[in-house]
């Protein structure tokens, strides 16, 4: 049972990191922002990235570090949660 829970939690965090990566790549290429799949990707990723953007004043630098911070935070949270299982 613990292995199943470990796998589910690990895959959930990996999926969140993958969604953030897809969101980053979508910001570099032209795409249809009204596509339902794209809207889902944006809503999931932005629910993680927007609080980080609000907490860290990095807007004046010209580069958005919120995905990098999100990756570190998700990785840290994943390790903490997986150690608790």
PDB file of N, CA and C in Angstrom:
ATOM      1  N   UNK A   1       0.823  -1.198   0.000  1.00  0.00           N
ATOM      2  CA  UNK A   1       0.000   0.000   0.000  1.00  0.00           C
ATOM      3  C   UNK A   1       0.864   1.258   0.000  1.00  0.00           C
ATOM      4  N   UNK A   2       1.960   1.251   0.782  1.00  0.00           N
ATOM      5  CA  UNK A   2       2.826   2.421   0.815  1.00  0.00           C
ATOM      6  C   UNK A   2       3.473   2.679  -0.538  1.00  0.00           C
ATOM      7  N   UNK A   3       3.821   1.618  -1.249  1.00  0.00           N
ATOM      8  CA  UNK A   3       4.428   1.793  -2.565  1.00  0.00           C
ATOM      9  C   UNK A   3       3.453   2.440  -3.533  1.00  0.00           C
ATOM     10  N   UNK A   4       2.185   2.050  -3.468  1.00  0.00           N
ATOM     11  CA  UNK A   4       1.173   2.638  -4.341  1.00  0.00           C
ATOM     12  C   UNK A   4       0.995   4.119  -4.038  1.00  0.00           C
ATOM     13  N   UNK A   5       0.910   4.467  -2.777  1.00  0.00           N
ATOM     14  CA  UNK A   5       0.777   5.870  -2.386  1.00  0.00           C
ATOM     15  C   UNK A   5       2.015   6.658  -2.781  1.00  0.00           C
ATOM     16  N   UNK A   6       3.179   6.086  -2.580  1.00  0.00           N
ATOM     17  CA  UNK A   6       4.440   6.717  -2.972  1.00  0.00           C
ATOM     18  C   UNK A   6       4.451   7.004  -4.479  1.00  0.00           C
ATOM     19  N   UNK A   7       4.028   6.029  -5.261  1.00  0.00           N
ATOM     20  CA  UNK A   7       4.009   6.181  -6.720  1.00  0.00           C
ATOM     21  C   UNK A   7       3.014   7.240  -7.153  1.00  0.00           C
ATOM     22  N   UNK A   8       1.845   7.269  -6.545  1.00  0.00           N
ATOM     23  CA  UNK A   8       0.831   8.260  -6.911  1.00  0.00           C
ATOM     24  C   UNK A   8       1.307   9.671  -6.591  1.00  0.00           C
ATOM     25  N   UNK A   9       1.861   9.858  -5.403  1.00  0.00           N
ATOM     26  CA  UNK A   9       2.343  11.190  -5.009  1.00  0.00           C
ATOM     27  C   UNK A   9       3.516  11.613  -5.887  1.00  0.00           C
ATOM     28  N   UNK A  10       4.429  10.709  -6.136  1.00  0.00           N
ATOM     29  CA  UNK A  10       5.581  11.008  -6.988  1.00  0.00           C
ATOM     30  C   UNK A  10       5.130  11.400  -8.393  1.00  0.00           C
ATOM     31  N   UNK A  11       4.204  10.649  -8.957  1.00  0.00           N
ATOM     32  CA  UNK A  11       3.706  10.957 -10.299  1.00  0.00           C
ATOM     33  C   UNK A  11       2.923  12.263 -10.336  1.00  0.00           C
ATOM     34  N   UNK A  12       2.201  12.587  -9.262  1.00  0.00           N
ATOM     35  CA  UNK A  12       1.456  13.851  -9.213  1.00  0.00           C
ATOM     36  C   UNK A  12       2.410  15.040  -9.241  1.00  0.00           C
ATOM     37  N   UNK A  13       3.483  14.972  -8.454  1.00  0.00           N
ATOM     38  CA  UNK A  13       4.465  16.067  -8.465  1.00  0.00           C
ATOM     39  C   UNK A  13       5.187  16.137  -9.806  1.00  0.00           C
ATOM     40  N   UNK A  14       5.509  14.991 -10.393  1.00  0.00           N
ATOM     41  CA  UNK A  14       6.145  14.982 -11.707  1.00  0.00           C
ATOM     42  C   UNK A  14       5.227  15.582 -12.766  1.00  0.00           C
ATOM     43  N   UNK A  15       3.942  15.297 -12.675  1.00  0.00           N
ATOM     44  CA  UNK A  15       2.979  15.857 -13.621  1.00  0.00           C
ATOM     45  C   UNK A  15       2.893  17.377 -13.477  1.00  0.00           C
ATOM     46  N   UNK A  16       2.898  17.870 -12.250  1.00  0.00           N
ATOM     47  CA  UNK A  16       2.881  19.318 -12.037  1.00  0.00           C
ATOM     48  C   UNK A  16       4.120  19.974 -12.636  1.00  0.00           C
ATOM     49  N   UNK A  17       5.273  19.358 -12.454  1.00  0.00           N
ATOM     50  CA  UNK A  17       6.495  19.911 -13.038  1.00  0.00           C
ATOM     51  C   UNK A  17       6.457  19.855 -14.563  1.00  0.00           C
ATOM     52  N   UNK A  18       5.905  18.804 -15.113  1.00  0.00           N
ATOM     53  CA  UNK A  18       5.769  18.700 -16.566  1.00  0.00           C
ATOM     54  C   UNK A  18       4.824  19.769 -17.104  1.00  0.00           C
ATOM     55  N   UNK A  19       3.732  20.022 -16.407  1.00  0.00           N
ATOM     56  CA  UNK A  19       2.782  21.048 -16.834  1.00  0.00           C
ATOM     57  C   UNK A  19       3.438  22.417 -16.821  1.00  0.00           C
ATOM     58  N   UNK A  20       4.264  22.690 -15.817  1.00  0.00           N
ATOM     59  CA  UNK A  20       4.977  23.965 -15.787  1.00  0.00           C
ATOM     60  C   UNK A  20       5.951  24.060 -16.958  1.00  0.00           C
ATOM     61  N   UNK A  21       6.626  22.966 -17.283  1.00  0.00           N
ATOM     62  CA  UNK A  21       7.543  22.969 -18.436  1.00  0.00           C
ATOM     63  C   UNK A  21       6.798  23.228 -19.738  1.00  0.00           C
ATOM     64  N   UNK A  22       5.645  22.594 -19.907  1.00  0.00           N
ATOM     65  CA  UNK A  22       4.840  22.824 -21.110  1.00  0.00           C
ATOM     66  C   UNK A  22       4.405  24.286 -21.172  1.00  0.00           C
ATOM     67  N   UNK A  23       4.041  24.850 -20.027  1.00  0.00           N
ATOM     68  CA  UNK A  23       3.641  26.270 -19.958  1.00  0.00           C
ATOM     69  C   UNK A  23       4.799  27.172 -20.375  1.00  0.00           C
ATOM     70  N   UNK A  24       6.003  26.829 -19.975  1.00  0.00           N
ATOM     71  CA  UNK A  24       7.180  27.613 -20.369  1.00  0.00           C
ATOM     72  C   UNK A  24       7.390  27.522 -21.875  1.00  0.00           C
ATOM     73  N   UNK A  25       7.324  26.315 -22.426  1.00  0.00           N
ATOM     74  CA  UNK A  25       7.524  26.154 -23.869  1.00  0.00           C
ATOM     75  C   UNK A  25       6.424  26.855 -24.669  1.00  0.00           C
ATOM     76  N   UNK A  26       5.209  26.858 -24.142  1.00  0.00           N
ATOM     77  CA  UNK A  26       4.116  27.540 -24.844  1.00  0.00           C
ATOM     78  C   UNK A  26       4.315  29.051 -24.879  1.00  0.00           C
ATOM     79  N   UNK A  27       5.043  29.584 -23.914  1.00  0.00           N
ATOM     80  CA  UNK A  27       5.287  31.025 -23.934  1.00  0.00           C
ATOM     81  C   UNK A  27       6.296  31.409 -25.018  1.00  0.00           C
ATOM     82  N   UNK A  28       7.042  30.448 -25.541  1.00  0.00           N
ATOM     83  CA  UNK A  28       8.041  30.714 -26.556  1.00  0.00           C
ATOM     84  C   UNK A  28       7.538  30.507 -27.983  1.00  0.00           C
ATOM     85  N   UNK A  29       6.451  29.774 -28.158  1.00  0.00           N
ATOM     86  CA  UNK A  29       5.970  29.469 -29.500  1.00  0.00           C
ATOM     87  C   UNK A  29       4.568  30.045 -29.690  1.00  0.00           C
ATOM     88  N   UNK A  30       4.207  30.368 -30.926  1.00  0.00           N
ATOM     89  CA  UNK A  30       2.832  30.829 -31.169  1.00  0.00           C
ATOM     90  C   UNK A  30       1.845  29.671 -31.021  1.00  0.00           C
ATOM     91  N   UNK A  31       0.717  29.949 -30.380  1.00  0.00           N
ATOM     92  CA  UNK A  31      -0.299  28.928 -30.170  1.00  0.00           C
ATOM     93  C   UNK A  31      -1.660  29.601 -30.035  1.00  0.00           C
ATOM     94  N   UNK A  32      -2.687  28.805 -30.072  1.00  0.00           N
ATOM     95  CA  UNK A  32      -4.053  29.299 -29.930  1.00  0.00           C
ATOM     96  C   UNK A  32      -4.406  29.346 -28.443  1.00  0.00           C
ATOM     97  N   UNK A  33      -4.517  30.548 -27.855  1.00  0.00           N
ATOM     98  CA  UNK A  33      -4.808  30.623 -26.419  1.00  0.00           C
ATOM     99  C   UNK A  33      -6.237  30.215 -26.066  1.00  0.00           C
ATOM    100  N   UNK A  34      -7.086  30.030 -27.072  1.00  0.00           N
ATOM    101  CA  UNK A  34      -8.478  29.652 -26.821  1.00  0.00           C
ATOM    102  C   UNK A  34      -8.705  28.145 -26.920  1.00  0.00           C
ATOM    103  N   UNK A  35      -7.651  27.391 -27.214  1.00  0.00           N
ATOM    104  CA  UNK A  35      -7.729  25.941 -27.251  1.00  0.00           C
ATOM    105  C   UNK A  35      -7.993  25.428 -25.836  1.00  0.00           C
ATOM    106  N   UNK A  36      -8.893  24.479 -25.702  1.00  0.00           N
ATOM    107  CA  UNK A  36      -9.280  23.977 -24.378  1.00  0.00           C
ATOM    108  C   UNK A  36      -8.098  23.338 -23.645  1.00  0.00           C
ATOM    109  N   UNK A  37      -7.274  22.592 -24.361  1.00  0.00           N
ATOM    110  CA  UNK A  37      -6.097  21.961 -23.755  1.00  0.00           C
ATOM    111  C   UNK A  37      -5.125  23.017 -23.233  1.00  0.00           C
ATOM    112  N   UNK A  38      -4.918  24.061 -24.012  1.00  0.00           N
ATOM    113  CA  UNK A  38      -4.013  25.146 -23.619  1.00  0.00           C
ATOM    114  C   UNK A  38      -4.570  25.871 -22.391  1.00  0.00           C
ATOM    115  N   UNK A  39      -5.874  26.080 -22.348  1.00  0.00           N
ATOM    116  CA  UNK A  39      -6.494  26.736 -21.194  1.00  0.00           C
ATOM    117  C   UNK A  39      -6.299  25.922 -19.920  1.00  0.00           C
ATOM    118  N   UNK A  40      -6.401  24.609 -20.021  1.00  0.00           N
ATOM    119  CA  UNK A  40      -6.203  23.746 -18.860  1.00  0.00           C
ATOM    120  C   UNK A  40      -4.751  23.826 -18.381  1.00  0.00           C
ATOM    121  N   UNK A  41      -3.812  23.775 -19.323  1.00  0.00           N
ATOM    122  CA  UNK A  41      -2.387  23.884 -18.970  1.00  0.00           C
ATOM    123  C   UNK A  41      -2.128  25.209 -18.267  1.00  0.00           C
ATOM    124  N   UNK A  42      -2.652  26.302 -18.841  1.00  0.00           N
ATOM    125  CA  UNK A  42      -2.437  27.628 -18.248  1.00  0.00           C
ATOM    126  C   UNK A  42      -3.065  27.724 -16.871  1.00  0.00           C
ATOM    127  N   UNK A  43      -4.263  27.203 -16.694  1.00  0.00           N
ATOM    128  CA  UNK A  43      -4.931  27.346 -15.398  1.00  0.00           C
ATOM    129  C   UNK A  43      -4.207  26.558 -14.305  1.00  0.00           C
ATOM    130  N   UNK A  44      -3.721  25.368 -14.631  1.00  0.00           N
ATOM    131  CA  UNK A  44      -2.998  24.574 -13.626  1.00  0.00           C
ATOM    132  C   UNK A  44      -1.650  25.216 -13.306  1.00  0.00           C
ATOM    133  N   UNK A  45      -0.905  25.584 -14.340  1.00  0.00           N
ATOM    134  CA  UNK A  45       0.424  26.164 -14.111  1.00  0.00           C
ATOM    135  C   UNK A  45       0.324  27.531 -13.442  1.00  0.00           C
ATOM    136  N   UNK A  46      -0.629  28.343 -13.865  1.00  0.00           N
ATOM    137  CA  UNK A  46      -0.744  29.679 -13.279  1.00  0.00           C
ATOM    138  C   UNK A  46      -1.226  29.642 -11.841  1.00  0.00           C
ATOM    139  N   UNK A  47      -1.945  28.602 -11.458  1.00  0.00           N
ATOM    140  CA  UNK A  47      -2.351  28.491 -10.056  1.00  0.00           C
ATOM    141  C   UNK A  47      -1.131  28.264  -9.156  1.00  0.00           C
ATOM    142  N   UNK A  48      -0.046  27.771  -9.712  1.00  0.00           N
ATOM    143  CA  UNK A  48       1.200  27.608  -8.966  1.00  0.00           C
ATOM    144  C   UNK A  48       2.096  28.832  -9.134  1.00  0.00           C
ATOM    145  N   UNK A  49       2.165  29.368 -10.350  1.00  0.00           N
ATOM    146  CA  UNK A  49       3.122  30.431 -10.642  1.00  0.00           C
ATOM    147  C   UNK A  49       2.688  31.808 -10.149  1.00  0.00           C
ATOM    148  N   UNK A  50       1.404  32.113 -10.190  1.00  0.00           N
ATOM    149  CA  UNK A  50       0.945  33.455  -9.814  1.00  0.00           C
ATOM    150  C   UNK A  50       1.238  33.774  -8.347  1.00  0.00           C
ATOM    151  N   UNK A  51       0.993  32.883  -7.382  1.00  0.00           N
ATOM    152  CA  UNK A  51       1.367  33.226  -5.998  1.00  0.00           C
ATOM    153  C   UNK A  51       2.872  33.465  -5.826  1.00  0.00           C
ATOM    154  N   UNK A  52       3.686  32.745  -6.586  1.00  0.00           N
ATOM    155  CA  UNK A  52       5.136  32.959  -6.514  1.00  0.00           C
ATOM    156  C   UNK A  52       5.481  34.316  -7.101  1.00  0.00           C
ATOM    157  N   UNK A  53       4.857  34.689  -8.216  1.00  0.00           N
ATOM    158  CA  UNK A  53       5.090  36.010  -8.816  1.00  0.00           C
ATOM    159  C   UNK A  53       4.661  37.128  -7.875  1.00  0.00           C
ATOM    160  N   UNK A  54       3.587  36.907  -7.136  1.00  0.00           N
ATOM    161  CA  UNK A  54       3.125  37.922  -6.186  1.00  0.00           C
ATOM    162  C   UNK A  54       4.056  38.032  -4.980  1.00  0.00           C
ATOM    163  N   UNK A  55       4.640  36.928  -4.548  1.00  0.00           N
ATOM    164  CA  UNK A  55       5.476  36.923  -3.351  1.00  0.00           C
ATOM    165  C   UNK A  55       6.895  37.421  -3.618  1.00  0.00           C
ATOM    166  N   UNK A  56       7.394  37.178  -4.828  1.00  0.00           N
ATOM    167  CA  UNK A  56       8.775  37.538  -5.150  1.00  0.00           C
ATOM    168  C   UNK A  56       8.756  38.676  -6.167  1.00  0.00           C
ATOM    169  N   UNK A  57       9.281  39.831  -5.794  1.00  0.00           N
ATOM    170  CA  UNK A  57       9.275  40.966  -6.729  1.00  0.00           C
ATOM    171  C   UNK A  57      10.382  40.848  -7.780  1.00  0.00           C
ATOM    172  N   UNK A  58      10.105  40.121  -8.845  1.00  0.00           N
ATOM    173  CA  UNK A  58      11.118  39.891  -9.880  1.00  0.00           C
ATOM    174  C   UNK A  58      10.673  40.453 -11.229  1.00  0.00           C
ATOM    175  N   UNK A  59       9.684  41.313 -11.237  1.00  0.00           N
ATOM    176  CA  UNK A  59       9.123  41.784 -12.500  1.00  0.00           C
ATOM    177  C   UNK A  59      10.052  42.752 -13.229  1.00  0.00           C
ATOM    178  N   UNK A  60      10.893  43.493 -12.515  1.00  0.00           N
ATOM    179  CA  UNK A  60      11.723  44.504 -13.142  1.00  0.00           C
ATOM    180  C   UNK A  60      12.951  43.975 -13.851  1.00  0.00           C
ATOM    181  N   UNK A  61      13.255  42.695 -13.700  1.00  0.00           N
ATOM    182  CA  UNK A  61      14.480  42.150 -14.270  1.00  0.00           C
ATOM    183  C   UNK A  61      14.350  41.753 -15.733  1.00  0.00           C
ATOM    184  N   UNK A  62      13.163  41.610 -16.226  1.00  0.00           N
ATOM    185  CA  UNK A  62      12.983  41.210 -17.612  1.00  0.00           C
ATOM    186  C   UNK A  62      12.949  39.704 -17.826  1.00  0.00           C
ATOM    187  N   UNK A  63      13.207  38.947 -16.791  1.00  0.00           N
ATOM    188  CA  UNK A  63      13.165  37.484 -16.878  1.00  0.00           C
ATOM    189  C   UNK A  63      12.328  36.969 -15.717  1.00  0.00           C
ATOM    190  N   UNK A  64      11.437  36.060 -16.025  1.00  0.00           N
ATOM    191  CA  UNK A  64      10.533  35.522 -15.012  1.00  0.00           C
ATOM    192  C   UNK A  64      11.166  34.293 -14.364  1.00  0.00           C
ATOM    193  N   UNK A  65      11.544  34.429 -13.098  1.00  0.00           N
ATOM    194  CA  UNK A  65      12.161  33.334 -12.370  1.00  0.00           C
ATOM    195  C   UNK A  65      11.146  32.472 -11.626  1.00  0.00           C
ATOM    196  N   UNK A  66       9.863  32.786 -11.745  1.00  0.00           N
ATOM    197  CA  UNK A  66       8.858  32.032 -10.994  1.00  0.00           C
ATOM    198  C   UNK A  66       8.820  30.546 -11.361  1.00  0.00           C
ATOM    199  N   UNK A  67       9.024  30.133 -12.620  1.00  0.00           N
ATOM    200  CA  UNK A  67       9.067  28.686 -12.892  1.00  0.00           C
ATOM    201  C   UNK A  67      10.257  27.996 -12.220  1.00  0.00           C
ATOM    202  N   UNK A  68      11.388  28.689 -12.142  1.00  0.00           N
ATOM    203  CA  UNK A  68      12.564  28.106 -11.485  1.00  0.00           C
ATOM    204  C   UNK A  68      12.275  27.918  -9.998  1.00  0.00           C
ATOM    205  N   UNK A  69      11.700  28.952  -9.381  1.00  0.00           N
ATOM    206  CA  UNK A  69      11.356  28.874  -7.966  1.00  0.00           C
ATOM    207  C   UNK A  69      10.309  27.784  -7.740  1.00  0.00           C
ATOM    208  N   UNK A  70       9.339  27.688  -8.654  1.00  0.00           N
ATOM    209  CA  UNK A  70       8.297  26.667  -8.533  1.00  0.00           C
ATOM    210  C   UNK A  70       8.903  25.264  -8.611  1.00  0.00           C
ATOM    211  N   UNK A  71       9.881  25.067  -9.504  1.00  0.00           N
ATOM    212  CA  UNK A  71      10.528  23.757  -9.602  1.00  0.00           C
ATOM    213  C   UNK A  71      11.246  23.399  -8.314  1.00  0.00           C
ATOM    214  N   UNK A  72      11.964  24.367  -7.735  1.00  0.00           N
ATOM    215  CA  UNK A  72      12.649  24.100  -6.467  1.00  0.00           C
ATOM    216  C   UNK A  72      11.653  23.802  -5.355  1.00  0.00           C
ATOM    217  N   UNK A  73      10.581  24.589  -5.280  1.00  0.00           N
ATOM    218  CA  UNK A  73       9.584  24.370  -4.233  1.00  0.00           C
ATOM    219  C   UNK A  73       8.872  23.031  -4.401  1.00  0.00           C
ATOM    220  N   UNK A  74       8.488  22.703  -5.631  1.00  0.00           N
ATOM    221  CA  UNK A  74       7.833  21.415  -5.867  1.00  0.00           C
ATOM    222  C   UNK A  74       8.776  20.250  -5.566  1.00  0.00           C
ATOM    223  N   UNK A  75      10.041  20.382  -5.937  1.00  0.00           N
ATOM    224  CA  UNK A  75      11.009  19.334  -5.639  1.00  0.00           C
ATOM    225  C   UNK A  75      11.200  19.151  -4.140  1.00  0.00           C
ATOM    226  N   UNK A  76      11.275  20.281  -3.406  1.00  0.00           N
ATOM    227  CA  UNK A  76      11.417  20.212  -1.957  1.00  0.00           C
ATOM    228  C   UNK A  76      10.176  19.590  -1.319  1.00  0.00           C
ATOM    229  N   UNK A  77       8.994  20.051  -1.742  1.00  0.00           N
ATOM    230  CA  UNK A  77       7.748  19.495  -1.206  1.00  0.00           C
ATOM    231  C   UNK A  77       7.618  18.014  -1.511  1.00  0.00           C
ATOM    232  N   UNK A  78       8.024  17.628  -2.710  1.00  0.00           N
ATOM    233  CA  UNK A  78       7.954  16.214  -3.092  1.00  0.00           C
ATOM    234  C   UNK A  78       8.832  15.366  -2.178  1.00  0.00           C
ATOM    235  N   UNK A  79      10.044  15.830  -1.922  1.00  0.00           N
ATOM    236  CA  UNK A  79      10.935  15.072  -1.042  1.00  0.00           C
ATOM    237  C   UNK A  79      10.372  14.978   0.376  1.00  0.00           C
ATOM    238  N   UNK A  80       9.827  16.086   0.890  1.00  0.00           N
ATOM    239  CA  UNK A  80       9.271  16.082   2.242  1.00  0.00           C
ATOM    240  C   UNK A  80       8.083  15.125   2.334  1.00  0.00           C
ATOM    241  N   UNK A  81       7.180  15.204   1.358  1.00  0.00           N
ATOM    242  CA  UNK A  81       5.984  14.352   1.393  1.00  0.00           C
ATOM    243  C   UNK A  81       6.368  12.886   1.208  1.00  0.00           C
ATOM    244  N   UNK A  82       7.300  12.618   0.300  1.00  0.00           N
ATOM    245  CA  UNK A  82       7.682  11.221   0.064  1.00  0.00           C
ATOM    246  C   UNK A  82       8.447  10.628   1.241  1.00  0.00           C
ATOM    247  N   UNK A  83       9.184  11.446   1.979  1.00  0.00           N
ATOM    248  CA  UNK A  83       9.847  10.943   3.178  1.00  0.00           C
ATOM    249  C   UNK A  83       8.853  10.642   4.294  1.00  0.00           C
ATOM    250  N   UNK A  84       7.716  11.344   4.272  1.00  0.00           N
ATOM    251  CA  UNK A  84       6.707  11.120   5.304  1.00  0.00           C
ATOM    252  C   UNK A  84       5.870   9.864   5.045  1.00  0.00           C
ATOM    253  N   UNK A  85       5.922   9.369   3.818  1.00  0.00           N
ATOM    254  CA  UNK A  85       5.118   8.179   3.477  1.00  0.00           C
ATOM    255  C   UNK A  85       5.823   6.928   3.958  1.00  0.00           C
TER     256      UNK A  85
END
